[in-house]
Structures are given as structure tokens and as C-alpha cells.
Amino acid sequence: MSTALIVILIVVALVLLALLLVGGARTRRRRLSQRRVEARGRGAESQRLTQSAQRKESEADAQAARARELAAEAEERRRTAEKERRTAEKEREVAEEHAERARDIDPDR
């Protein structure tokens, strides 16, 4: 083989190697760019989901507070009703005692 042919083969091999390295670097940059875009998209989606979850949590807390308030009001109404029932029962007992006394002292009986 001639020296010129060997030099040409080496130059061609070096050019191919350089092309492969440049192509590999481009491919790597493209992949990194795609990963950045995907990461930004996932970050935005994560932020949206976080805000939605926080909003739902806040709404649930408000509903729980309202339920506790209603339960306290219902308990107060129950206590009032129970007190009124006891008062009515005492009044009934007094009325029955008066009726019994009235029967006892009735001269026509």
C-alpha cells in the first residue's frame, strides 16, 4: 500500500470519528432538551395538582367546621328540648296532683 492511501484512510477514519462524536453530542443535547421540556411539564402538572389538592383540603376543612358548628347547635337544641320536656313533665305531675286533690275534696264524689 502506498503512503498516500494510508494517509487518506486515516483522514477518512478521523473524519468519520469526528462526525460520530459531533452527532453523539447533538443527540445528547437533544435528549437533554427533551428531558428539560418534560421536567417543566411535570413540574407545572405537579404544581396544578398541589394547588387543586390544597383547594380541596381547604374546602373539606370548611365543611368539617360547618358540620361541627351544626352539631353544636343540634346539641344545644337537644338540651333545650330535654329541659322543656322535664318542665312539662313536672307541670303535668302538678296538674295531676291538683286533679287528685280536687277529687278528694269534691263533695259530690
Protein backbone atom coordinates (compact mmCIF):
# COMPACT_ATOMS: atom_id res chain seq x y z
CA MET A 1 0.00 0.00 0.00
CA SER A 2 1.11 3.41 -0.73
CA THR A 3 1.67 6.03 1.91
CA ALA A 4 -0.89 8.31 0.31
CA LEU A 5 -3.58 5.65 0.56
CA ILE A 6 -2.79 5.05 4.23
CA VAL A 7 -2.93 8.79 4.95
CA ILE A 8 -6.27 9.05 3.09
CA LEU A 9 -7.70 6.12 5.08
CA ILE A 10 -6.54 7.64 8.36
CA VAL A 11 -8.01 11.03 7.41
CA VAL A 12 -11.31 9.39 6.40
CA ALA A 13 -11.36 7.42 9.68
CA LEU A 14 -10.68 10.61 11.65
CA VAL A 15 -13.43 12.48 9.77
CA LEU A 16 -15.89 9.63 10.46
CA LEU A 17 -14.88 9.58 14.11
CA ALA A 18 -15.36 13.37 14.32
CA LEU A 19 -18.78 13.06 12.66
CA LEU A 20 -19.78 10.36 15.13
CA LEU A 21 -18.65 12.48 18.07
CA VAL A 22 -20.48 15.56 16.77
CA GLY A 23 -23.59 13.50 16.04
CA GLY A 24 -23.44 11.94 19.51
CA ALA A 25 -23.12 15.35 21.15
CA ARG A 26 -26.09 16.65 19.16
CA THR A 27 -28.12 13.61 20.12
CA ARG A 28 -27.17 14.11 23.75
CA ARG A 29 -28.11 17.82 23.66
CA ARG A 30 -31.43 16.96 22.01
CA ARG A 31 -32.17 14.34 24.68
CA LEU A 32 -31.29 16.78 27.44
CA SER A 33 -33.52 19.42 25.90
CA GLN A 34 -36.38 16.93 25.70
CA ARG A 35 -35.83 16.00 29.34
CA ARG A 36 -35.89 19.68 30.34
CA VAL A 37 -39.18 20.18 28.48
CA GLU A 38 -40.64 17.06 30.11
CA ALA A 39 -39.40 18.16 33.55
CA ARG A 40 -41.00 21.60 33.13
CA GLY A 41 -44.26 19.95 32.07
CA ARG A 42 -44.21 17.61 35.02
CA GLY A 43 -43.36 20.49 37.35
CA ALA A 44 -46.30 22.52 36.05
CA GLU A 45 -48.62 19.50 36.39
CA SER A 46 -47.33 18.88 39.91
CA GLN A 47 -47.98 22.50 40.84
CA ARG A 48 -51.50 22.33 39.38
CA LEU A 49 -52.25 19.12 41.29
CA THR A 50 -50.83 20.58 44.51
CA GLN A 51 -52.99 23.69 44.20
CA SER A 52 -56.05 21.58 43.45
CA ALA A 53 -55.35 19.34 46.46
CA GLN A 54 -54.85 22.38 48.71
CA ARG A 55 -58.13 23.89 47.50
CA LYS A 56 -59.98 20.62 48.14
CA GLU A 57 -58.37 20.29 51.57
CA SER A 58 -59.44 23.84 52.43
CA GLU A 59 -62.99 23.12 51.28
CA ALA A 60 -63.06 19.91 53.34
CA ASP A 61 -61.81 21.80 56.41
CA ALA A 62 -64.56 24.40 55.94
CA GLN A 63 -67.18 21.67 55.61
CA ALA A 64 -65.88 19.94 58.74
CA ALA A 65 -66.01 23.22 60.66
CA ARG A 66 -69.59 23.83 59.48
CA ALA A 67 -70.54 20.26 60.47
CA ARG A 68 -69.07 20.79 63.95
CA GLU A 69 -70.99 24.06 64.22
CA LEU A 70 -74.23 22.37 63.19
CA ALA A 71 -73.59 19.52 65.60
CA ALA A 72 -73.07 22.01 68.44
CA GLU A 73 -76.30 23.79 67.51
CA ALA A 74 -78.16 20.48 67.38
CA GLU A 75 -76.77 19.50 70.79
CA GLU A 76 -77.93 22.82 72.22
CA ARG A 77 -81.41 22.30 70.74
CA ARG A 78 -81.46 18.77 72.20
CA ARG A 79 -80.57 20.08 75.65
CA THR A 80 -83.24 22.78 75.40
CA ALA A 81 -85.85 20.25 74.29
CA GLU A 82 -84.90 17.91 77.13
CA LYS A 83 -85.19 20.76 79.64
CA GLU A 84 -88.60 21.72 78.23
CA ARG A 85 -89.70 18.06 78.42
CA ARG A 86 -88.69 17.86 82.09
CA THR A 87 -90.52 21.12 82.81
CA ALA A 88 -93.65 19.87 81.04
CA GLU A 89 -93.45 16.59 82.94
CA LYS A 90 -93.26 18.45 86.27
CA GLU A 91 -96.20 20.65 85.26
CA ARG A 92 -98.19 17.52 84.32
CA GLU A 93 -97.40 15.96 87.69
CA VAL A 94 -98.51 19.13 89.47
CA ALA A 95 -101.71 19.17 87.40
CA GLU A 96 -102.37 15.52 88.27
CA GLU A 97 -101.84 16.29 91.98
CA HIS A 98 -104.30 19.19 91.74
CA ALA A 99 -106.81 16.98 89.99
CA GLU A 100 -106.43 14.30 92.66
CA ARG A 101 -106.87 16.85 95.45
CA ALA A 102 -109.89 18.27 93.66
CA ARG A 103 -111.42 14.75 93.50
CA ASP A 104 -110.63 14.23 97.19
CA ILE A 105 -112.35 17.39 98.30
CA ASP A 106 -115.27 17.19 95.87
CA PRO A 107 -118.44 16.86 97.98
CA ASP A 108 -120.33 15.20 95.14
CA ARG A 109 -117.96 12.34 94.87
